[in-house]
């Protein structure tokens, strides 16, 4: 099967399946660094805690994607 055929089949997948397909391809190109993943996980937890505590305020999605 050619790359063009594979791409056509991939584009016909449901969005969540396309995401898994892309993630698998990207992971095959670059091995994840577990130390960096742990650092990002810790940072994400800190940000979530500060948001839930009302220290960090979110920005509405509509504001972020509003045309300028």
PDB file of N, CA and C in Angstrom:
ATOM      1  N   UNK A   1       0.855  -1.169   0.000  1.00  0.00           N
ATOM      2  CA  UNK A   1       0.000   0.000   0.000  1.00  0.00           C
ATOM      3  C   UNK A   1       0.904   1.236   0.000  1.00  0.00           C
ATOM      4  N   UNK A   2       0.560   2.215  -0.822  1.00  0.00           N
ATOM      5  CA  UNK A   2       1.376   3.425  -0.912  1.00  0.00           C
ATOM      6  C   UNK A   2       1.066   4.385   0.235  1.00  0.00           C
ATOM      7  N   UNK A   3       1.961   5.321   0.437  1.00  0.00           N
ATOM      8  CA  UNK A   3       1.748   6.329   1.477  1.00  0.00           C
ATOM      9  C   UNK A   3       0.485   7.130   1.222  1.00  0.00           C
ATOM     10  N   UNK A   4       0.196   7.411  -0.034  1.00  0.00           N
ATOM     11  CA  UNK A   4      -1.002   8.172  -0.397  1.00  0.00           C
ATOM     12  C   UNK A   4      -2.269   7.394  -0.021  1.00  0.00           C
ATOM     13  N   UNK A   5      -2.239   6.083  -0.245  1.00  0.00           N
ATOM     14  CA  UNK A   5      -3.383   5.229   0.105  1.00  0.00           C
ATOM     15  C   UNK A   5      -3.557   5.171   1.626  1.00  0.00           C
ATOM     16  N   UNK A   6      -2.439   5.072   2.330  1.00  0.00           N
ATOM     17  CA  UNK A   6      -2.501   5.030   3.789  1.00  0.00           C
ATOM     18  C   UNK A   6      -3.070   6.337   4.325  1.00  0.00           C
ATOM     19  N   UNK A   7      -2.619   7.451   3.763  1.00  0.00           N
ATOM     20  CA  UNK A   7      -3.131   8.753   4.187  1.00  0.00           C
ATOM     21  C   UNK A   7      -4.625   8.849   3.943  1.00  0.00           C
ATOM     22  N   UNK A   8      -5.085   8.391   2.804  1.00  0.00           N
ATOM     23  CA  UNK A   8      -6.515   8.419   2.500  1.00  0.00           C
ATOM     24  C   UNK A   8      -7.322   7.615   3.508  1.00  0.00           C
ATOM     25  N   UNK A   9      -6.824   6.443   3.848  1.00  0.00           N
ATOM     26  CA  UNK A   9      -7.519   5.617   4.837  1.00  0.00           C
ATOM     27  C   UNK A   9      -7.476   6.266   6.221  1.00  0.00           C
ATOM     28  N   UNK A  10      -6.358   6.876   6.557  1.00  0.00           N
ATOM     29  CA  UNK A  10      -6.236   7.533   7.863  1.00  0.00           C
ATOM     30  C   UNK A  10      -7.204   8.703   7.972  1.00  0.00           C
ATOM     31  N   UNK A  11      -7.357   9.458   6.900  1.00  0.00           N
ATOM     32  CA  UNK A  11      -8.264  10.609   6.923  1.00  0.00           C
ATOM     33  C   UNK A  11      -9.731  10.193   7.038  1.00  0.00           C
ATOM     34  N   UNK A  12     -10.032   8.956   6.693  1.00  0.00           N
ATOM     35  CA  UNK A  12     -11.401   8.460   6.786  1.00  0.00           C
ATOM     36  C   UNK A  12     -11.746   7.975   8.197  1.00  0.00           C
ATOM     37  N   UNK A  13     -10.752   7.908   9.077  1.00  0.00           N
ATOM     38  CA  UNK A  13     -10.989   7.437  10.442  1.00  0.00           C
ATOM     39  C   UNK A  13     -11.737   8.481  11.266  1.00  0.00           C
ATOM     40  N   UNK A  14     -12.341   8.008  12.361  1.00  0.00           N
ATOM     41  CA  UNK A  14     -12.968   8.923  13.314  1.00  0.00           C
ATOM     42  C   UNK A  14     -11.866   9.769  13.937  1.00  0.00           C
ATOM     43  N   UNK A  15     -12.177  10.994  14.399  1.00  0.00           N
ATOM     44  CA  UNK A  15     -11.147  11.881  14.963  1.00  0.00           C
ATOM     45  C   UNK A  15     -10.296  11.229  16.045  1.00  0.00           C
ATOM     46  N   UNK A  16     -10.902  10.480  16.968  1.00  0.00           N
ATOM     47  CA  UNK A  16     -10.110   9.878  18.044  1.00  0.00           C
ATOM     48  C   UNK A  16      -9.164   8.802  17.504  1.00  0.00           C
ATOM     49  N   UNK A  17      -9.588   8.102  16.449  1.00  0.00           N
ATOM     50  CA  UNK A  17      -8.711   7.100  15.840  1.00  0.00           C
ATOM     51  C   UNK A  17      -7.578   7.759  15.060  1.00  0.00           C
ATOM     52  N   UNK A  18      -7.876   8.902  14.408  1.00  0.00           N
ATOM     53  CA  UNK A  18      -6.827   9.646  13.712  1.00  0.00           C
ATOM     54  C   UNK A  18      -5.793  10.133  14.711  1.00  0.00           C
ATOM     55  N   UNK A  19      -6.258  10.592  15.881  1.00  0.00           N
ATOM     56  CA  UNK A  19      -5.340  11.056  16.914  1.00  0.00           C
ATOM     57  C   UNK A  19      -4.415   9.926  17.347  1.00  0.00           C
ATOM     58  N   UNK A  20      -4.977   8.753  17.596  1.00  0.00           N
ATOM     59  CA  UNK A  20      -4.156   7.608  18.010  1.00  0.00           C
ATOM     60  C   UNK A  20      -3.146   7.240  16.921  1.00  0.00           C
ATOM     61  N   UNK A  21      -3.567   7.319  15.671  1.00  0.00           N
ATOM     62  CA  UNK A  21      -2.694   7.016  14.535  1.00  0.00           C
ATOM     63  C   UNK A  21      -1.531   7.996  14.486  1.00  0.00           C
ATOM     64  N   UNK A  22      -1.834   9.278  14.596  1.00  0.00           N
ATOM     65  CA  UNK A  22      -0.802  10.312  14.563  1.00  0.00           C
ATOM     66  C   UNK A  22       0.144  10.166  15.751  1.00  0.00           C
ATOM     67  N   UNK A  23      -0.427   9.939  16.922  1.00  0.00           N
ATOM     68  CA  UNK A  23       0.399   9.780  18.116  1.00  0.00           C
ATOM     69  C   UNK A  23       1.360   8.600  17.955  1.00  0.00           C
ATOM     70  N   UNK A  24       0.870   7.513  17.390  1.00  0.00           N
ATOM     71  CA  UNK A  24       1.714   6.344  17.158  1.00  0.00           C
ATOM     72  C   UNK A  24       2.843   6.640  16.182  1.00  0.00           C
ATOM     73  N   UNK A  25       2.531   7.377  15.125  1.00  0.00           N
ATOM     74  CA  UNK A  25       3.576   7.740  14.163  1.00  0.00           C
ATOM     75  C   UNK A  25       4.628   8.639  14.798  1.00  0.00           C
ATOM     76  N   UNK A  26       4.166   9.644  15.530  1.00  0.00           N
ATOM     77  CA  UNK A  26       5.114  10.557  16.177  1.00  0.00           C
ATOM     78  C   UNK A  26       5.985   9.835  17.196  1.00  0.00           C
ATOM     79  N   UNK A  27       5.382   8.955  17.959  1.00  0.00           N
ATOM     80  CA  UNK A  27       6.159   8.197  18.944  1.00  0.00           C
ATOM     81  C   UNK A  27       7.191   7.299  18.284  1.00  0.00           C
ATOM     82  N   UNK A  28       6.898   6.831  17.080  1.00  0.00           N
ATOM     83  CA  UNK A  28       7.860   5.974  16.388  1.00  0.00           C
ATOM     84  C   UNK A  28       9.072   6.769  15.899  1.00  0.00           C
ATOM     85  N   UNK A  29       8.909   8.082  15.766  1.00  0.00           N
ATOM     86  CA  UNK A  29      10.014   8.920  15.295  1.00  0.00           C
ATOM     87  C   UNK A  29      10.890   9.437  16.430  1.00  0.00           C
ATOM     88  N   UNK A  30      10.301   9.601  17.588  1.00  0.00           N
ATOM     89  CA  UNK A  30      11.026  10.211  18.696  1.00  0.00           C
ATOM     90  C   UNK A  30      10.651   9.513  19.991  1.00  0.00           C
ATOM     91  N   UNK A  31      11.620   8.860  20.580  1.00  0.00           N
ATOM     92  CA  UNK A  31      11.373   8.186  21.850  1.00  0.00           C
ATOM     93  C   UNK A  31      11.124   9.221  22.931  1.00  0.00           C
ATOM     94  N   UNK A  32      10.053   9.076  23.704  1.00  0.00           N
ATOM     95  CA  UNK A  32       9.772  10.047  24.755  1.00  0.00           C
ATOM     96  C   UNK A  32      10.836  10.013  25.850  1.00  0.00           C
ATOM     97  N   UNK A  33      11.087  11.145  26.431  1.00  0.00           N
ATOM     98  CA  UNK A  33      12.030  11.264  27.533  1.00  0.00           C
ATOM     99  C   UNK A  33      11.221  11.225  28.824  1.00  0.00           C
ATOM    100  N   UNK A  34      11.332  10.139  29.553  1.00  0.00           N
ATOM    101  CA  UNK A  34      10.521   9.956  30.762  1.00  0.00           C
ATOM    102  C   UNK A  34      10.758  11.049  31.793  1.00  0.00           C
ATOM    103  N   UNK A  35      11.981  11.544  31.888  1.00  0.00           N
ATOM    104  CA  UNK A  35      12.269  12.592  32.856  1.00  0.00           C
ATOM    105  C   UNK A  35      11.501  13.874  32.503  1.00  0.00           C
ATOM    106  N   UNK A  36      11.488  14.231  31.228  1.00  0.00           N
ATOM    107  CA  UNK A  36      10.743  15.413  30.798  1.00  0.00           C
ATOM    108  C   UNK A  36       9.248  15.188  31.002  1.00  0.00           C
ATOM    109  N   UNK A  37       8.759  13.997  30.693  1.00  0.00           N
ATOM    110  CA  UNK A  37       7.347  13.687  30.910  1.00  0.00           C
ATOM    111  C   UNK A  37       6.965  13.846  32.383  1.00  0.00           C
ATOM    112  N   UNK A  38       7.844  13.412  33.278  1.00  0.00           N
ATOM    113  CA  UNK A  38       7.574  13.543  34.716  1.00  0.00           C
ATOM    114  C   UNK A  38       7.543  15.009  35.138  1.00  0.00           C
ATOM    115  N   UNK A  39       8.468  15.800  34.601  1.00  0.00           N
ATOM    116  CA  UNK A  39       8.508  17.229  34.919  1.00  0.00           C
ATOM    117  C   UNK A  39       7.222  17.903  34.459  1.00  0.00           C
ATOM    118  N   UNK A  40       6.766  17.591  33.237  1.00  0.00           N
ATOM    119  CA  UNK A  40       5.534  18.185  32.727  1.00  0.00           C
ATOM    120  C   UNK A  40       4.319  17.715  33.532  1.00  0.00           C
ATOM    121  N   UNK A  41       4.308  16.473  33.947  1.00  0.00           N
ATOM    122  CA  UNK A  41       3.199  15.961  34.751  1.00  0.00           C
ATOM    123  C   UNK A  41       3.128  16.705  36.081  1.00  0.00           C
ATOM    124  N   UNK A  42       4.279  16.937  36.707  1.00  0.00           N
ATOM    125  CA  UNK A  42       4.314  17.680  37.967  1.00  0.00           C
ATOM    126  C   UNK A  42       3.832  19.114  37.760  1.00  0.00           C
ATOM    127  N   UNK A  43       4.289  19.746  36.682  1.00  0.00           N
ATOM    128  CA  UNK A  43       3.877  21.122  36.385  1.00  0.00           C
ATOM    129  C   UNK A  43       2.379  21.195  36.129  1.00  0.00           C
ATOM    130  N   UNK A  44       1.856  20.224  35.411  1.00  0.00           N
ATOM    131  CA  UNK A  44       0.415  20.182  35.140  1.00  0.00           C
ATOM    132  C   UNK A  44      -0.379  20.063  36.427  1.00  0.00           C
ATOM    133  N   UNK A  45       0.080  19.225  37.326  1.00  0.00           N
ATOM    134  CA  UNK A  45      -0.597  19.063  38.620  1.00  0.00           C
ATOM    135  C   UNK A  45      -0.572  20.367  39.413  1.00  0.00           C
ATOM    136  N   UNK A  46       0.577  21.060  39.416  1.00  0.00           N
ATOM    137  CA  UNK A  46       0.687  22.340  40.121  1.00  0.00           C
ATOM    138  C   UNK A  46      -0.301  23.354  39.549  1.00  0.00           C
ATOM    139  N   UNK A  47      -0.362  23.437  38.224  1.00  0.00           N
ATOM    140  CA  UNK A  47      -1.264  24.398  37.582  1.00  0.00           C
ATOM    141  C   UNK A  47      -2.718  24.062  37.865  1.00  0.00           C
ATOM    142  N   UNK A  48      -3.059  22.789  37.834  1.00  0.00           N
ATOM    143  CA  UNK A  48      -4.430  22.379  38.128  1.00  0.00           C
ATOM    144  C   UNK A  48      -4.804  22.729  39.565  1.00  0.00           C
ATOM    145  N   UNK A  49      -3.906  22.478  40.504  1.00  0.00           N
ATOM    146  CA  UNK A  49      -4.177  22.796  41.905  1.00  0.00           C
ATOM    147  C   UNK A  49      -4.367  24.292  42.112  1.00  0.00           C
ATOM    148  N   UNK A  50      -3.508  25.113  41.487  1.00  0.00           N
ATOM    149  CA  UNK A  50      -3.659  26.560  41.647  1.00  0.00           C
ATOM    150  C   UNK A  50      -4.930  27.064  40.989  1.00  0.00           C
ATOM    151  N   UNK A  51      -5.325  26.448  39.883  1.00  0.00           N
ATOM    152  CA  UNK A  51      -6.578  26.831  39.227  1.00  0.00           C
ATOM    153  C   UNK A  51      -7.770  26.477  40.116  1.00  0.00           C
ATOM    154  N   UNK A  52      -7.767  25.268  40.652  1.00  0.00           N
ATOM    155  CA  UNK A  52      -8.869  24.834  41.520  1.00  0.00           C
ATOM    156  C   UNK A  52      -8.940  25.648  42.804  1.00  0.00           C
ATOM    157  N   UNK A  53      -7.793  26.150  43.269  1.00  0.00           N
ATOM    158  CA  UNK A  53      -7.753  26.967  44.485  1.00  0.00           C
ATOM    159  C   UNK A  53      -8.144  28.417  44.206  1.00  0.00           C
ATOM    160  N   UNK A  54      -8.359  28.762  42.940  1.00  0.00           N
ATOM    161  CA  UNK A  54      -8.753  30.118  42.583  1.00  0.00           C
ATOM    162  C   UNK A  54      -7.588  31.077  42.457  1.00  0.00           C
ATOM    163  N   UNK A  55      -6.372  30.568  42.534  1.00  0.00           N
ATOM    164  CA  UNK A  55      -5.172  31.406  42.415  1.00  0.00           C
ATOM    165  C   UNK A  55      -4.886  31.735  40.950  1.00  0.00           C
ATOM    166  N   UNK A  56      -5.114  30.775  40.105  1.00  0.00           N
ATOM    167  CA  UNK A  56      -4.873  30.915  38.675  1.00  0.00           C
ATOM    168  C   UNK A  56      -6.220  30.928  37.971  1.00  0.00           C
ATOM    169  N   UNK A  57      -6.470  31.955  37.174  1.00  0.00           N
ATOM    170  CA  UNK A  57      -7.746  32.044  36.466  1.00  0.00           C
ATOM    171  C   UNK A  57      -7.567  31.613  35.017  1.00  0.00           C
ATOM    172  N   UNK A  58      -8.573  30.954  34.510  1.00  0.00           N
ATOM    173  CA  UNK A  58      -8.544  30.512  33.123  1.00  0.00           C
ATOM    174  C   UNK A  58      -9.036  31.599  32.185  1.00  0.00           C
ATOM    175  N   UNK A  59      -8.785  31.410  30.909  1.00  0.00           N
ATOM    176  CA  UNK A  59      -9.266  32.308  29.865  1.00  0.00           C
ATOM    177  C   UNK A  59     -10.290  31.531  29.054  1.00  0.00           C
ATOM    178  N   UNK A  60     -11.486  32.087  28.862  1.00  0.00           N
ATOM    179  CA  UNK A  60     -12.499  31.368  28.088  1.00  0.00           C
ATOM    180  C   UNK A  60     -12.005  31.045  26.673  1.00  0.00           C
ATOM    181  N   UNK A  61     -12.340  29.869  26.199  1.00  0.00           N
ATOM    182  CA  UNK A  61     -11.913  29.421  24.885  1.00  0.00           C
ATOM    183  C   UNK A  61     -12.347  30.415  23.805  1.00  0.00           C
ATOM    184  N   UNK A  62     -13.552  30.983  23.948  1.00  0.00           N
ATOM    185  CA  UNK A  62     -14.049  31.928  22.951  1.00  0.00           C
ATOM    186  C   UNK A  62     -13.130  33.148  22.850  1.00  0.00           C
ATOM    187  N   UNK A  63     -12.564  33.562  23.973  1.00  0.00           N
ATOM    188  CA  UNK A  63     -11.668  34.704  23.977  1.00  0.00           C
ATOM    189  C   UNK A  63     -10.344  34.355  23.307  1.00  0.00           C
ATOM    190  N   UNK A  64      -9.865  33.180  23.532  1.00  0.00           N
ATOM    191  CA  UNK A  64      -8.588  32.752  22.952  1.00  0.00           C
ATOM    192  C   UNK A  64      -8.684  32.666  21.428  1.00  0.00           C
ATOM    193  N   UNK A  65      -9.790  32.107  20.934  1.00  0.00           N
ATOM    194  CA  UNK A  65      -9.933  31.865  19.506  1.00  0.00           C
ATOM    195  C   UNK A  65     -10.702  32.958  18.771  1.00  0.00           C
ATOM    196  N   UNK A  66     -10.979  34.062  19.445  1.00  0.00           N
ATOM    197  CA  UNK A  66     -11.706  35.156  18.814  1.00  0.00           C
ATOM    198  C   UNK A  66     -10.850  35.777  17.712  1.00  0.00           C
ATOM    199  N   UNK A  67     -11.500  36.080  16.590  1.00  0.00           N
ATOM    200  CA  UNK A  67     -10.775  36.739  15.489  1.00  0.00           C
ATOM    201  C   UNK A  67     -10.347  38.127  15.933  1.00  0.00           C
ATOM    202  N   UNK A  68      -9.146  38.476  15.554  1.00  0.00           N
ATOM    203  CA  UNK A  68      -8.622  39.798  15.946  1.00  0.00           C
ATOM    204  C   UNK A  68      -8.682  40.749  14.801  1.00  0.00           C
TER     205      UNK A  68
END
